[in-house]
Amino acid sequence: MRVRIPAYRHAQREIKLFIETNRLGPGDALPSEAALAHELGISRPSLREGMKALESLGIVETRHGEGVFVAAFSFDSIIENLPYSIVSGGKNLYDLLQVRTAVEMGAIPYVLERIGVADKARLRQLAEEMLAAAKQGQEFEQQDREFHATMFRCLDNAFLSRLIDLFWEVFHRLNQSLESPDHWSLESTALDHLSIVDMIERGDKTGLLAAHQRHFGSILARLERAKPAA
């Protein structure tokens, strides 16, 4: 039996096809609602619903008084609409950790080639701040987030930077859903980051890969501890 596609889903597909066919890029304006509905051969209510759905996905943006425009790519809409199944544990989270590990480990050789003195110094400062906070039983979310951003910004890859920030946000949300981390967990995480800095300063690719792998091993251990009892 043929499945009927909802009108708004059909409208979504047609709008995206229109954007691709006309090679519209970020900041380009779409035709008026009436003109676009006529162009695509769909009703204005269906077009309106389809446009709302695309706006929630971050594909288009409405500027009041100006019209609808193609939006610049961003992970923000993904972060805001993360399904509960990801941030509450389960296989999805393990899969995401595997992807995160592959992405960051793959970028490490390029980081060693390009990272500058100022970024190395900032990484050292952030890691030491993390350890000082850990010894007082305090969390260090801001320093942790900046650490990962600083480590990879030398690659000047906006897509990679936002992807890494997306990974950080997901696992940060996981930590928020758990009980407060114990002193050992905080200090162990801080020491992981200090080890990463040590290897970067030495230019030791093998050591850096191993330190990074240990860090992800610690995250995996936290996931295991958070897993509900069978």
N, C-alpha and C. Protein backbone atom coordinates (compact mmCIF):
# COMPACT_ATOMS: atom_id res chain seq x y z
N MET A 1 0.84 -1.20 0.00
CA MET A 1 0.00 0.00 0.00
C MET A 1 0.88 1.25 0.00
N ARG A 2 0.56 2.18 -0.85
CA ARG A 2 1.33 3.41 -0.96
C ARG A 2 1.09 4.32 0.25
N VAL A 3 2.18 4.77 0.85
CA VAL A 3 2.08 5.65 2.02
C VAL A 3 1.96 7.09 1.56
N ARG A 4 0.97 7.76 2.05
CA ARG A 4 0.75 9.16 1.68
C ARG A 4 1.68 10.07 2.47
N ILE A 5 2.43 10.91 1.77
CA ILE A 5 3.36 11.83 2.42
C ILE A 5 2.59 13.06 2.89
N PRO A 6 2.72 13.43 4.17
CA PRO A 6 2.02 14.64 4.66
C PRO A 6 2.38 15.86 3.81
N ALA A 7 1.43 16.75 3.66
CA ALA A 7 1.63 17.93 2.79
C ALA A 7 2.83 18.76 3.22
N TYR A 8 3.01 18.92 4.53
CA TYR A 8 4.12 19.77 4.98
C TYR A 8 5.47 19.13 4.68
N ARG A 9 5.52 17.76 4.72
CA ARG A 9 6.75 17.07 4.39
C ARG A 9 7.06 17.21 2.91
N HIS A 10 6.02 17.14 2.10
CA HIS A 10 6.19 17.36 0.67
C HIS A 10 6.70 18.78 0.42
N ALA A 11 6.14 19.74 1.17
CA ALA A 11 6.57 21.14 1.03
C ALA A 11 8.04 21.29 1.43
N GLN A 12 8.44 20.65 2.52
CA GLN A 12 9.84 20.69 2.94
C GLN A 12 10.76 20.24 1.82
N ARG A 13 10.42 19.11 1.25
CA ARG A 13 11.25 18.52 0.19
C ARG A 13 11.35 19.45 -1.01
N GLU A 14 10.21 20.05 -1.38
CA GLU A 14 10.19 20.93 -2.54
C GLU A 14 10.98 22.21 -2.29
N ILE A 15 10.89 22.74 -1.08
CA ILE A 15 11.63 23.97 -0.75
C ILE A 15 13.13 23.69 -0.80
N LYS A 16 13.56 22.56 -0.20
CA LYS A 16 14.99 22.21 -0.22
C LYS A 16 15.47 22.01 -1.65
N LEU A 17 14.63 21.36 -2.47
CA LEU A 17 15.00 21.15 -3.87
C LEU A 17 15.13 22.48 -4.60
N PHE A 18 14.24 23.42 -4.27
CA PHE A 18 14.29 24.75 -4.90
C PHE A 18 15.60 25.45 -4.53
N ILE A 19 15.99 25.36 -3.25
CA ILE A 19 17.24 25.98 -2.79
C ILE A 19 18.44 25.37 -3.52
N GLU A 20 18.45 24.04 -3.63
CA GLU A 20 19.57 23.36 -4.29
C GLU A 20 19.61 23.67 -5.78
N THR A 21 18.46 23.61 -6.44
CA THR A 21 18.38 23.82 -7.89
C THR A 21 18.81 25.23 -8.27
N ASN A 22 18.43 26.19 -7.43
CA ASN A 22 18.77 27.59 -7.72
C ASN A 22 20.09 28.02 -7.08
N ARG A 23 20.81 27.06 -6.51
CA ARG A 23 22.13 27.29 -5.92
C ARG A 23 22.12 28.48 -4.94
N LEU A 24 21.11 28.49 -4.09
CA LEU A 24 21.03 29.54 -3.09
C LEU A 24 21.95 29.20 -1.92
N GLY A 25 22.65 30.21 -1.42
CA GLY A 25 23.56 30.01 -0.31
C GLY A 25 23.15 30.82 0.90
N PRO A 26 23.89 30.70 2.01
CA PRO A 26 23.56 31.43 3.23
C PRO A 26 23.37 32.92 2.98
N GLY A 27 22.24 33.45 3.45
CA GLY A 27 21.96 34.87 3.29
C GLY A 27 21.13 35.19 2.06
N ASP A 28 20.98 34.23 1.15
CA ASP A 28 20.17 34.48 -0.05
C ASP A 28 18.69 34.43 0.32
N ALA A 29 17.92 35.31 -0.31
CA ALA A 29 16.49 35.39 -0.02
C ALA A 29 15.69 34.42 -0.87
N LEU A 30 14.65 33.85 -0.27
CA LEU A 30 13.70 33.04 -1.02
C LEU A 30 12.60 33.95 -1.55
N PRO A 31 11.89 33.52 -2.61
CA PRO A 31 10.77 34.33 -3.11
C PRO A 31 9.71 34.50 -2.03
N SER A 32 8.80 35.42 -2.26
CA SER A 32 7.70 35.63 -1.32
C SER A 32 6.88 34.35 -1.20
N GLU A 33 6.10 34.27 -0.14
CA GLU A 33 5.30 33.07 0.09
C GLU A 33 4.38 32.78 -1.10
N ALA A 34 3.72 33.81 -1.61
CA ALA A 34 2.79 33.62 -2.72
C ALA A 34 3.53 33.15 -3.97
N ALA A 35 4.66 33.79 -4.26
CA ALA A 35 5.42 33.44 -5.46
C ALA A 35 6.00 32.03 -5.36
N LEU A 36 6.51 31.67 -4.19
CA LEU A 36 7.11 30.35 -4.02
C LEU A 36 6.06 29.26 -4.06
N ALA A 37 4.89 29.50 -3.45
CA ALA A 37 3.81 28.52 -3.48
C ALA A 37 3.38 28.26 -4.93
N HIS A 38 3.28 29.34 -5.70
CA HIS A 38 2.91 29.20 -7.12
C HIS A 38 3.99 28.46 -7.88
N GLU A 39 5.25 28.81 -7.63
CA GLU A 39 6.39 28.18 -8.32
C GLU A 39 6.44 26.67 -8.05
N LEU A 40 6.17 26.28 -6.80
CA LEU A 40 6.28 24.88 -6.41
C LEU A 40 4.97 24.10 -6.60
N GLY A 41 3.90 24.82 -6.85
CA GLY A 41 2.62 24.15 -7.07
C GLY A 41 2.04 23.55 -5.80
N ILE A 42 2.24 24.23 -4.69
CA ILE A 42 1.68 23.74 -3.42
C ILE A 42 0.90 24.88 -2.75
N SER A 43 0.04 24.52 -1.81
CA SER A 43 -0.78 25.54 -1.16
C SER A 43 0.06 26.38 -0.21
N ARG A 44 -0.38 27.57 0.05
CA ARG A 44 0.35 28.45 0.96
C ARG A 44 0.38 27.92 2.39
N PRO A 45 -0.74 27.35 2.92
CA PRO A 45 -0.66 26.77 4.27
C PRO A 45 0.37 25.65 4.36
N SER A 46 0.43 24.78 3.34
CA SER A 46 1.42 23.69 3.36
C SER A 46 2.83 24.26 3.28
N LEU A 47 3.00 25.28 2.43
CA LEU A 47 4.32 25.92 2.31
C LEU A 47 4.73 26.52 3.65
N ARG A 48 3.77 27.15 4.32
CA ARG A 48 4.06 27.80 5.60
C ARG A 48 4.51 26.76 6.64
N GLU A 49 3.81 25.63 6.68
CA GLU A 49 4.18 24.57 7.63
C GLU A 49 5.54 23.97 7.30
N GLY A 50 5.78 23.77 6.02
CA GLY A 50 7.07 23.24 5.60
C GLY A 50 8.20 24.18 5.95
N MET A 51 7.95 25.48 5.79
CA MET A 51 8.96 26.49 6.08
C MET A 51 9.26 26.52 7.58
N LYS A 52 8.22 26.37 8.41
CA LYS A 52 8.43 26.34 9.86
C LYS A 52 9.30 25.16 10.26
N ALA A 53 9.05 24.02 9.63
CA ALA A 53 9.85 22.83 9.93
C ALA A 53 11.30 23.03 9.53
N LEU A 54 11.53 23.63 8.38
CA LEU A 54 12.91 23.87 7.92
C LEU A 54 13.60 24.91 8.80
N GLU A 55 12.83 25.85 9.33
CA GLU A 55 13.42 26.85 10.22
C GLU A 55 13.85 26.19 11.52
N SER A 56 13.06 25.23 12.02
CA SER A 56 13.43 24.53 13.26
C SER A 56 14.69 23.69 13.06
N LEU A 57 14.96 23.31 11.82
CA LEU A 57 16.16 22.53 11.51
C LEU A 57 17.36 23.42 11.19
N GLY A 58 17.14 24.73 11.16
CA GLY A 58 18.24 25.65 10.90
C GLY A 58 18.60 25.78 9.43
N ILE A 59 17.68 25.39 8.54
CA ILE A 59 17.96 25.47 7.10
C ILE A 59 17.58 26.83 6.54
N VAL A 60 16.50 27.41 7.05
CA VAL A 60 16.10 28.76 6.65
C VAL A 60 15.88 29.59 7.91
N GLU A 61 15.85 30.89 7.73
CA GLU A 61 15.55 31.79 8.85
C GLU A 61 14.62 32.89 8.39
N THR A 62 13.68 33.25 9.25
CA THR A 62 12.73 34.31 8.95
C THR A 62 13.20 35.60 9.59
N ARG A 63 13.28 36.65 8.80
CA ARG A 63 13.61 37.98 9.32
C ARG A 63 12.37 38.83 9.18
N HIS A 64 11.79 39.17 10.30
CA HIS A 64 10.53 39.90 10.30
C HIS A 64 10.65 41.21 9.53
N GLY A 65 9.72 41.39 8.61
CA GLY A 65 9.72 42.59 7.80
C GLY A 65 10.60 42.50 6.58
N GLU A 66 11.38 41.41 6.46
CA GLU A 66 12.28 41.27 5.32
C GLU A 66 11.98 40.05 4.46
N GLY A 67 11.62 38.93 5.11
CA GLY A 67 11.34 37.73 4.34
C GLY A 67 12.04 36.51 4.91
N VAL A 68 12.16 35.48 4.08
CA VAL A 68 12.80 34.23 4.48
C VAL A 68 14.11 34.08 3.72
N PHE A 69 15.16 33.67 4.44
CA PHE A 69 16.49 33.56 3.86
C PHE A 69 17.09 32.20 4.16
N VAL A 70 18.02 31.79 3.30
CA VAL A 70 18.76 30.56 3.57
C VAL A 70 19.67 30.83 4.76
N ALA A 71 19.65 29.95 5.75
CA ALA A 71 20.44 30.15 6.96
C ALA A 71 21.86 29.62 6.78
N ALA A 72 22.79 30.23 7.51
CA ALA A 72 24.16 29.71 7.54
C ALA A 72 24.16 28.40 8.31
N PHE A 73 25.02 27.47 7.91
CA PHE A 73 25.04 26.18 8.60
C PHE A 73 25.43 26.36 10.05
N SER A 74 24.74 25.65 10.92
CA SER A 74 25.04 25.68 12.35
C SER A 74 24.54 24.40 12.99
N PHE A 75 25.27 23.95 14.03
CA PHE A 75 24.82 22.80 14.79
C PHE A 75 23.85 23.20 15.89
N ASP A 76 23.58 24.50 16.03
CA ASP A 76 22.75 24.96 17.15
C ASP A 76 21.40 24.27 17.19
N SER A 77 20.75 24.16 16.01
CA SER A 77 19.43 23.55 15.99
C SER A 77 19.50 22.07 16.35
N ILE A 78 20.62 21.41 16.00
CA ILE A 78 20.79 20.01 16.37
C ILE A 78 20.92 19.88 17.87
N ILE A 79 21.74 20.76 18.47
CA ILE A 79 21.93 20.73 19.91
C ILE A 79 20.61 20.95 20.65
N GLU A 80 19.83 21.92 20.16
CA GLU A 80 18.58 22.25 20.84
C GLU A 80 17.55 21.13 20.73
N ASN A 81 17.68 20.30 19.70
CA ASN A 81 16.68 19.26 19.47
C ASN A 81 17.24 17.85 19.68
N LEU A 82 18.31 17.77 20.48
CA LEU A 82 18.89 16.45 20.75
C LEU A 82 17.86 15.54 21.38
N PRO A 83 17.69 14.35 20.83
CA PRO A 83 16.72 13.43 21.41
C PRO A 83 17.14 12.97 22.79
N TYR A 84 16.16 12.72 23.65
CA TYR A 84 16.45 12.28 25.01
C TYR A 84 17.26 10.99 25.02
N SER A 85 17.04 10.14 24.02
CA SER A 85 17.72 8.85 23.99
C SER A 85 19.22 8.98 23.92
N ILE A 86 19.71 10.12 23.36
CA ILE A 86 21.16 10.31 23.27
C ILE A 86 21.73 10.75 24.60
N VAL A 87 21.10 11.75 25.23
CA VAL A 87 21.68 12.30 26.45
C VAL A 87 21.35 11.47 27.69
N SER A 88 20.56 10.43 27.54
CA SER A 88 20.23 9.63 28.70
C SER A 88 20.97 8.29 28.71
N GLY A 89 21.98 8.16 27.87
CA GLY A 89 22.76 6.93 27.84
C GLY A 89 22.27 6.01 26.74
N GLY A 90 22.71 4.75 26.80
CA GLY A 90 22.30 3.80 25.79
C GLY A 90 23.28 3.74 24.63
N LYS A 91 22.97 2.89 23.65
CA LYS A 91 23.89 2.63 22.56
C LYS A 91 24.19 3.89 21.74
N ASN A 92 23.20 4.78 21.57
CA ASN A 92 23.44 5.99 20.80
C ASN A 92 24.61 6.79 21.35
N LEU A 93 24.70 6.85 22.67
CA LEU A 93 25.77 7.62 23.30
C LEU A 93 27.12 6.94 23.09
N TYR A 94 27.14 5.62 23.16
CA TYR A 94 28.38 4.89 22.90
C TYR A 94 28.82 5.09 21.45
N ASP A 95 27.84 5.07 20.54
CA ASP A 95 28.16 5.29 19.13
C ASP A 95 28.73 6.69 18.91
N LEU A 96 28.14 7.67 19.60
CA LEU A 96 28.61 9.04 19.45
C LEU A 96 30.03 9.19 20.00
N LEU A 97 30.32 8.51 21.11
CA LEU A 97 31.67 8.56 21.66
C LEU A 97 32.67 7.95 20.68
N GLN A 98 32.27 6.90 20.00
CA GLN A 98 33.15 6.27 19.02
C GLN A 98 33.45 7.24 17.88
N VAL A 99 32.44 7.96 17.42
CA VAL A 99 32.63 8.94 16.36
C VAL A 99 33.51 10.09 16.85
N ARG A 100 33.24 10.56 18.06
CA ARG A 100 34.05 11.65 18.63
C ARG A 100 35.52 11.24 18.72
N THR A 101 35.76 10.02 19.18
CA THR A 101 37.13 9.53 19.30
C THR A 101 37.82 9.52 17.95
N ALA A 102 37.13 9.01 16.93
CA ALA A 102 37.72 8.93 15.59
C ALA A 102 38.03 10.32 15.03
N VAL A 103 37.11 11.26 15.22
CA VAL A 103 37.30 12.62 14.68
C VAL A 103 38.48 13.32 15.36
N GLU A 104 38.51 13.32 16.69
CA GLU A 104 39.56 14.04 17.40
C GLU A 104 40.92 13.36 17.24
N MET A 105 40.94 12.05 17.30
CA MET A 105 42.21 11.33 17.14
C MET A 105 42.76 11.55 15.73
N GLY A 106 41.87 11.59 14.75
CA GLY A 106 42.30 11.81 13.37
C GLY A 106 42.88 13.19 13.13
N ALA A 107 42.44 14.16 13.93
CA ALA A 107 42.90 15.54 13.75
C ALA A 107 44.20 15.84 14.50
N ILE A 108 44.57 14.99 15.43
CA ILE A 108 45.71 15.25 16.30
C ILE A 108 47.03 15.52 15.55
N PRO A 109 47.40 14.72 14.52
CA PRO A 109 48.66 14.99 13.82
C PRO A 109 48.71 16.40 13.24
N TYR A 110 47.58 16.90 12.76
CA TYR A 110 47.53 18.24 12.19
C TYR A 110 47.65 19.31 13.28
N VAL A 111 47.08 19.00 14.45
CA VAL A 111 47.21 19.94 15.58
C VAL A 111 48.68 20.13 15.93
N LEU A 112 49.43 19.04 16.02
CA LEU A 112 50.85 19.15 16.37
C LEU A 112 51.63 19.95 15.35
N GLU A 113 51.24 19.88 14.10
CA GLU A 113 51.93 20.62 13.04
C GLU A 113 51.66 22.12 13.12
N ARG A 114 50.47 22.50 13.58
CA ARG A 114 50.04 23.88 13.43
C ARG A 114 49.85 24.68 14.72
N ILE A 115 49.71 24.03 15.84
CA ILE A 115 49.39 24.78 17.06
C ILE A 115 50.52 25.73 17.43
N GLY A 116 50.14 26.94 17.83
CA GLY A 116 51.12 27.97 18.13
C GLY A 116 51.45 28.09 19.61
N VAL A 117 52.42 28.92 19.88
CA VAL A 117 52.90 29.09 21.26
C VAL A 117 51.79 29.61 22.18
N ALA A 118 51.03 30.58 21.70
CA ALA A 118 49.97 31.18 22.54
C ALA A 118 48.91 30.14 22.91
N ASP A 119 48.52 29.31 21.96
CA ASP A 119 47.52 28.29 22.24
C ASP A 119 48.07 27.23 23.20
N LYS A 120 49.34 26.89 23.05
CA LYS A 120 49.94 25.93 23.98
C LYS A 120 49.93 26.48 25.41
N ALA A 121 50.26 27.75 25.52
CA ALA A 121 50.28 28.38 26.84
C ALA A 121 48.88 28.43 27.44
N ARG A 122 47.89 28.71 26.59
CA ARG A 122 46.51 28.77 27.08
C ARG A 122 46.03 27.38 27.52
N LEU A 123 46.39 26.35 26.78
CA LEU A 123 46.03 24.99 27.16
C LEU A 123 46.62 24.63 28.53
N ARG A 124 47.89 25.00 28.73
CA ARG A 124 48.55 24.74 30.01
C ARG A 124 47.81 25.46 31.14
N GLN A 125 47.46 26.71 30.92
CA GLN A 125 46.76 27.49 31.94
C GLN A 125 45.41 26.87 32.27
N LEU A 126 44.67 26.48 31.24
CA LEU A 126 43.34 25.90 31.46
C LEU A 126 43.43 24.58 32.21
N ALA A 127 44.39 23.74 31.83
CA ALA A 127 44.54 22.44 32.50
C ALA A 127 44.91 22.62 33.97
N GLU A 128 45.77 23.60 34.26
CA GLU A 128 46.16 23.84 35.65
C GLU A 128 44.99 24.40 36.45
N GLU A 129 44.16 25.23 35.82
CA GLU A 129 42.96 25.74 36.48
C GLU A 129 42.00 24.59 36.78
N MET A 130 41.89 23.64 35.86
CA MET A 130 41.02 22.49 36.05
C MET A 130 41.49 21.65 37.24
N LEU A 131 42.79 21.44 37.32
CA LEU A 131 43.32 20.63 38.42
C LEU A 131 43.13 21.34 39.76
N ALA A 132 43.36 22.65 39.80
CA ALA A 132 43.17 23.41 41.03
C ALA A 132 41.72 23.34 41.49
N ALA A 133 40.79 23.46 40.54
CA ALA A 133 39.37 23.38 40.88
C ALA A 133 39.02 21.97 41.38
N ALA A 134 39.57 20.95 40.71
CA ALA A 134 39.29 19.56 41.10
C ALA A 134 39.73 19.28 42.52
N LYS A 135 40.88 19.81 42.89
CA LYS A 135 41.40 19.56 44.24
C LYS A 135 40.52 20.18 45.32
N GLN A 136 39.71 21.16 44.90
CA GLN A 136 38.77 21.78 45.84
C GLN A 136 37.36 21.19 45.69
N GLY A 137 37.27 20.12 44.89
CA GLY A 137 35.97 19.48 44.68
C GLY A 137 35.03 20.28 43.81
N GLN A 138 35.59 21.21 43.02
CA GLN A 138 34.76 22.07 42.18
C GLN A 138 34.83 21.61 40.71
N GLU A 139 33.72 21.78 40.00
CA GLU A 139 33.70 21.43 38.57
C GLU A 139 34.33 22.56 37.76
N PHE A 140 34.64 22.25 36.50
CA PHE A 140 35.39 23.21 35.67
C PHE A 140 34.88 23.17 34.22
N GLU A 141 33.57 23.33 34.07
CA GLU A 141 32.93 23.21 32.76
C GLU A 141 33.49 24.23 31.76
N GLN A 142 33.59 25.48 32.19
CA GLN A 142 34.04 26.53 31.27
C GLN A 142 35.45 26.25 30.75
N GLN A 143 36.36 25.86 31.65
CA GLN A 143 37.74 25.58 31.24
C GLN A 143 37.81 24.36 30.32
N ASP A 144 37.01 23.35 30.63
CA ASP A 144 37.00 22.13 29.82
C ASP A 144 36.56 22.44 28.39
N ARG A 145 35.48 23.21 28.27
CA ARG A 145 34.97 23.54 26.93
C ARG A 145 35.99 24.36 26.16
N GLU A 146 36.59 25.34 26.82
CA GLU A 146 37.57 26.18 26.14
C GLU A 146 38.82 25.37 25.77
N PHE A 147 39.18 24.41 26.60
CA PHE A 147 40.35 23.57 26.32
C PHE A 147 40.21 22.88 24.97
N HIS A 148 39.06 22.24 24.76
CA HIS A 148 38.85 21.51 23.51
C HIS A 148 38.76 22.47 22.32
N ALA A 149 38.14 23.62 22.51
CA ALA A 149 38.05 24.61 21.44
C ALA A 149 39.44 25.14 21.08
N THR A 150 40.25 25.42 22.10
CA THR A 150 41.59 25.97 21.88
C THR A 150 42.50 24.96 21.19
N MET A 151 42.38 23.71 21.55
CA MET A 151 43.25 22.68 21.00
C MET A 151 43.10 22.57 19.49
N PHE A 152 41.88 22.71 18.99
CA PHE A 152 41.65 22.47 17.57
C PHE A 152 41.46 23.73 16.72
N ARG A 153 41.45 24.90 17.33
CA ARG A 153 41.17 26.10 16.54
C ARG A 153 42.31 26.45 15.59
N CYS A 154 43.52 25.93 15.86
CA CYS A 154 44.64 26.20 14.96
C CYS A 154 44.42 25.60 13.58
N LEU A 155 43.49 24.66 13.45
CA LEU A 155 43.21 24.05 12.15
C LEU A 155 42.33 24.95 11.29
N ASP A 156 41.78 25.99 11.89
CA ASP A 156 40.96 26.97 11.16
C ASP A 156 39.86 26.29 10.35
N ASN A 157 39.19 25.34 10.99
CA ASN A 157 38.12 24.58 10.34
C ASN A 157 36.85 24.77 11.15
N ALA A 158 36.00 25.69 10.69
CA ALA A 158 34.79 26.04 11.45
C ALA A 158 33.88 24.83 11.63
N PHE A 159 33.77 23.98 10.61
CA PHE A 159 32.91 22.80 10.71
C PHE A 159 33.42 21.87 11.81
N LEU A 160 34.72 21.62 11.82
CA LEU A 160 35.31 20.74 12.83
C LEU A 160 35.12 21.33 14.23
N SER A 161 35.34 22.63 14.36
CA SER A 161 35.20 23.27 15.66
C SER A 161 33.78 23.14 16.20
N ARG A 162 32.78 23.34 15.34
CA ARG A 162 31.40 23.22 15.81
C ARG A 162 31.04 21.78 16.11
N LEU A 163 31.62 20.84 15.34
CA LEU A 163 31.36 19.43 15.58
C LEU A 163 31.92 19.01 16.94
N ILE A 164 33.13 19.46 17.23
CA ILE A 164 33.75 19.14 18.52
C ILE A 164 32.97 19.78 19.66
N ASP A 165 32.47 20.99 19.43
CA ASP A 165 31.66 21.65 20.46
C ASP A 165 30.34 20.90 20.66
N LEU A 166 29.80 20.36 19.57
CA LEU A 166 28.58 19.57 19.68
C LEU A 166 28.83 18.34 20.54
N PHE A 167 29.95 17.65 20.29
CA PHE A 167 30.29 16.49 21.11
C PHE A 167 30.39 16.89 22.58
N TRP A 168 31.07 18.01 22.84
CA TRP A 168 31.25 18.46 24.22
C TRP A 168 29.90 18.70 24.87
N GLU A 169 29.00 19.36 24.13
CA GLU A 169 27.69 19.70 24.69
C GLU A 169 26.89 18.45 25.04
N VAL A 170 26.95 17.44 24.18
CA VAL A 170 26.21 16.20 24.45
C VAL A 170 26.70 15.55 25.73
N PHE A 171 28.02 15.42 25.88
CA PHE A 171 28.53 14.74 27.06
C PHE A 171 28.43 15.61 28.30
N HIS A 172 28.42 16.93 28.11
CA HIS A 172 28.17 17.82 29.24
C HIS A 172 26.75 17.61 29.76
N ARG A 173 25.80 17.46 28.85
CA ARG A 173 24.41 17.22 29.25
C ARG A 173 24.29 15.88 29.97
N LEU A 174 25.06 14.91 29.53
CA LEU A 174 25.06 13.62 30.22
C LEU A 174 25.52 13.80 31.66
N ASN A 175 26.64 14.53 31.83
CA ASN A 175 27.17 14.74 33.18
C ASN A 175 26.16 15.45 34.07
N GLN A 176 25.41 16.39 33.47
CA GLN A 176 24.41 17.12 34.25
C GLN A 176 23.29 16.20 34.73
N SER A 177 23.04 15.13 33.97
CA SER A 177 21.97 14.22 34.33
C SER A 177 22.39 13.23 35.41
N LEU A 178 23.70 13.19 35.71
CA LEU A 178 24.21 12.26 36.71
C LEU A 178 24.35 12.97 38.05
N GLU A 179 24.65 12.21 39.06
CA GLU A 179 24.96 12.81 40.34
C GLU A 179 26.27 13.56 40.22
N SER A 180 26.53 14.49 41.10
CA SER A 180 27.77 15.26 41.06
C SER A 180 28.97 14.33 41.04
N PRO A 181 29.94 14.58 40.12
CA PRO A 181 31.11 13.70 40.05
C PRO A 181 31.92 13.75 41.34
N ASP A 182 32.53 12.61 41.69
CA ASP A 182 33.31 12.58 42.92
C ASP A 182 34.66 13.25 42.71
N HIS A 183 35.35 13.46 43.82
CA HIS A 183 36.64 14.15 43.79
C HIS A 183 37.62 13.44 42.87
N TRP A 184 37.64 12.10 42.95
CA TRP A 184 38.59 11.34 42.13
C TRP A 184 38.31 11.54 40.66
N SER A 185 37.05 11.53 40.29
CA SER A 185 36.67 11.68 38.88
C SER A 185 37.09 13.04 38.35
N LEU A 186 36.86 14.09 39.12
CA LEU A 186 37.26 15.43 38.70
C LEU A 186 38.77 15.53 38.54
N GLU A 187 39.51 15.03 39.53
CA GLU A 187 40.96 15.14 39.46
C GLU A 187 41.53 14.29 38.33
N SER A 188 40.96 13.12 38.12
CA SER A 188 41.42 12.25 37.03
C SER A 188 41.22 12.93 35.68
N THR A 189 40.08 13.60 35.50
CA THR A 189 39.81 14.30 34.25
C THR A 189 40.79 15.45 34.04
N ALA A 190 41.07 16.20 35.10
CA ALA A 190 42.02 17.30 35.01
C ALA A 190 43.41 16.79 34.65
N LEU A 191 43.81 15.68 35.26
CA LEU A 191 45.12 15.10 34.97
C LEU A 191 45.21 14.59 33.53
N ASP A 192 44.09 14.09 33.01
CA ASP A 192 44.05 13.69 31.60
C ASP A 192 44.40 14.88 30.71
N HIS A 193 43.82 16.03 31.02
CA HIS A 193 44.07 17.22 30.21
C HIS A 193 45.51 17.72 30.37
N LEU A 194 46.04 17.63 31.56
CA LEU A 194 47.44 18.01 31.76
C LEU A 194 48.37 17.10 30.97
N SER A 195 48.06 15.84 30.91
CA SER A 195 48.87 14.90 30.14
C SER A 195 48.82 15.24 28.65
N ILE A 196 47.65 15.64 28.17
CA ILE A 196 47.51 16.04 26.78
C ILE A 196 48.40 17.25 26.48
N VAL A 197 48.39 18.22 27.40
CA VAL A 197 49.23 19.41 27.23
C VAL A 197 50.70 19.03 27.21
N ASP A 198 51.11 18.17 28.11
CA ASP A 198 52.51 17.72 28.16
C ASP A 198 52.95 17.18 26.81
N MET A 199 52.12 16.34 26.21
CA MET A 199 52.48 15.72 24.94
C MET A 199 52.51 16.74 23.80
N ILE A 200 51.61 17.71 23.85
CA ILE A 200 51.60 18.76 22.82
C ILE A 200 52.88 19.58 22.92
N GLU A 201 53.26 19.95 24.14
CA GLU A 201 54.47 20.75 24.33
C GLU A 201 55.72 20.00 23.88
N ARG A 202 55.72 18.69 24.03
CA ARG A 202 56.87 17.88 23.61
C ARG A 202 56.84 17.58 22.11
N GLY A 203 55.69 17.81 21.48
CA GLY A 203 55.56 17.44 20.08
C GLY A 203 55.54 15.93 19.89
N ASP A 204 55.07 15.22 20.89
CA ASP A 204 55.08 13.76 20.91
C ASP A 204 53.74 13.23 20.40
N LYS A 205 53.68 12.88 19.11
CA LYS A 205 52.42 12.42 18.52
C LYS A 205 51.93 11.12 19.15
N THR A 206 52.82 10.16 19.32
CA THR A 206 52.43 8.88 19.91
C THR A 206 51.91 9.08 21.33
N GLY A 207 52.64 9.89 22.11
CA GLY A 207 52.21 10.16 23.48
C GLY A 207 50.90 10.90 23.53
N LEU A 208 50.69 11.84 22.58
CA LEU A 208 49.45 12.62 22.55
C LEU A 208 48.27 11.73 22.20
N LEU A 209 48.46 10.85 21.23
CA LEU A 209 47.39 9.93 20.87
C LEU A 209 47.02 9.03 22.07
N ALA A 210 48.05 8.58 22.79
CA ALA A 210 47.79 7.72 23.96
C ALA A 210 47.07 8.50 25.06
N ALA A 211 47.48 9.75 25.28
CA ALA A 211 46.85 10.57 26.32
C ALA A 211 45.40 10.87 25.97
N HIS A 212 45.17 11.13 24.69
CA HIS A 212 43.81 11.41 24.25
C HIS A 212 42.95 10.16 24.38
N GLN A 213 43.52 9.03 24.04
CA GLN A 213 42.79 7.78 24.16
C GLN A 213 42.42 7.49 25.61
N ARG A 214 43.34 7.78 26.52
CA ARG A 214 43.04 7.59 27.95
C ARG A 214 41.88 8.48 28.39
N HIS A 215 41.87 9.70 27.86
CA HIS A 215 40.80 10.63 28.21
C HIS A 215 39.45 10.07 27.78
N PHE A 216 39.39 9.54 26.56
CA PHE A 216 38.13 8.95 26.09
C PHE A 216 37.80 7.68 26.86
N GLY A 217 38.84 6.96 27.31
CA GLY A 217 38.60 5.79 28.15
C GLY A 217 37.94 6.19 29.45
N SER A 218 38.32 7.34 29.99
CA SER A 218 37.70 7.84 31.24
C SER A 218 36.23 8.17 31.01
N ILE A 219 35.94 8.77 29.84
CA ILE A 219 34.55 9.09 29.52
C ILE A 219 33.73 7.81 29.40
N LEU A 220 34.33 6.81 28.74
CA LEU A 220 33.64 5.53 28.59
C LEU A 220 33.36 4.90 29.96
N ALA A 221 34.33 5.02 30.87
CA ALA A 221 34.14 4.47 32.22
C ALA A 221 32.98 5.17 32.92
N ARG A 222 32.84 6.49 32.73
CA ARG A 222 31.72 7.21 33.34
C ARG A 222 30.39 6.74 32.75
N LEU A 223 30.39 6.47 31.44
CA LEU A 223 29.17 5.95 30.82
C LEU A 223 28.79 4.60 31.41
N GLU A 224 29.79 3.78 31.64
CA GLU A 224 29.55 2.45 32.21
C GLU A 224 28.96 2.57 33.62
N ARG A 225 29.53 3.50 34.40
CA ARG A 225 29.04 3.66 35.77
C ARG A 225 27.61 4.21 35.78
N ALA A 226 27.28 5.00 34.73
CA ALA A 226 25.94 5.60 34.68
C ALA A 226 24.89 4.66 34.12
N LYS A 227 25.34 3.52 33.56
CA LYS A 227 24.41 2.59 32.94
C LYS A 227 23.47 2.01 33.99
N PRO A 228 22.15 2.04 33.71
CA PRO A 228 21.20 1.47 34.68
C PRO A 228 21.44 -0.02 34.88
N ALA A 229 21.23 -0.47 36.07
CA ALA A 229 21.41 -1.91 36.36
C ALA A 229 20.38 -2.71 35.59
N ALA A 230 20.82 -3.85 35.05
CA ALA A 230 19.93 -4.71 34.26
C ALA A 230 18.91 -5.38 35.18
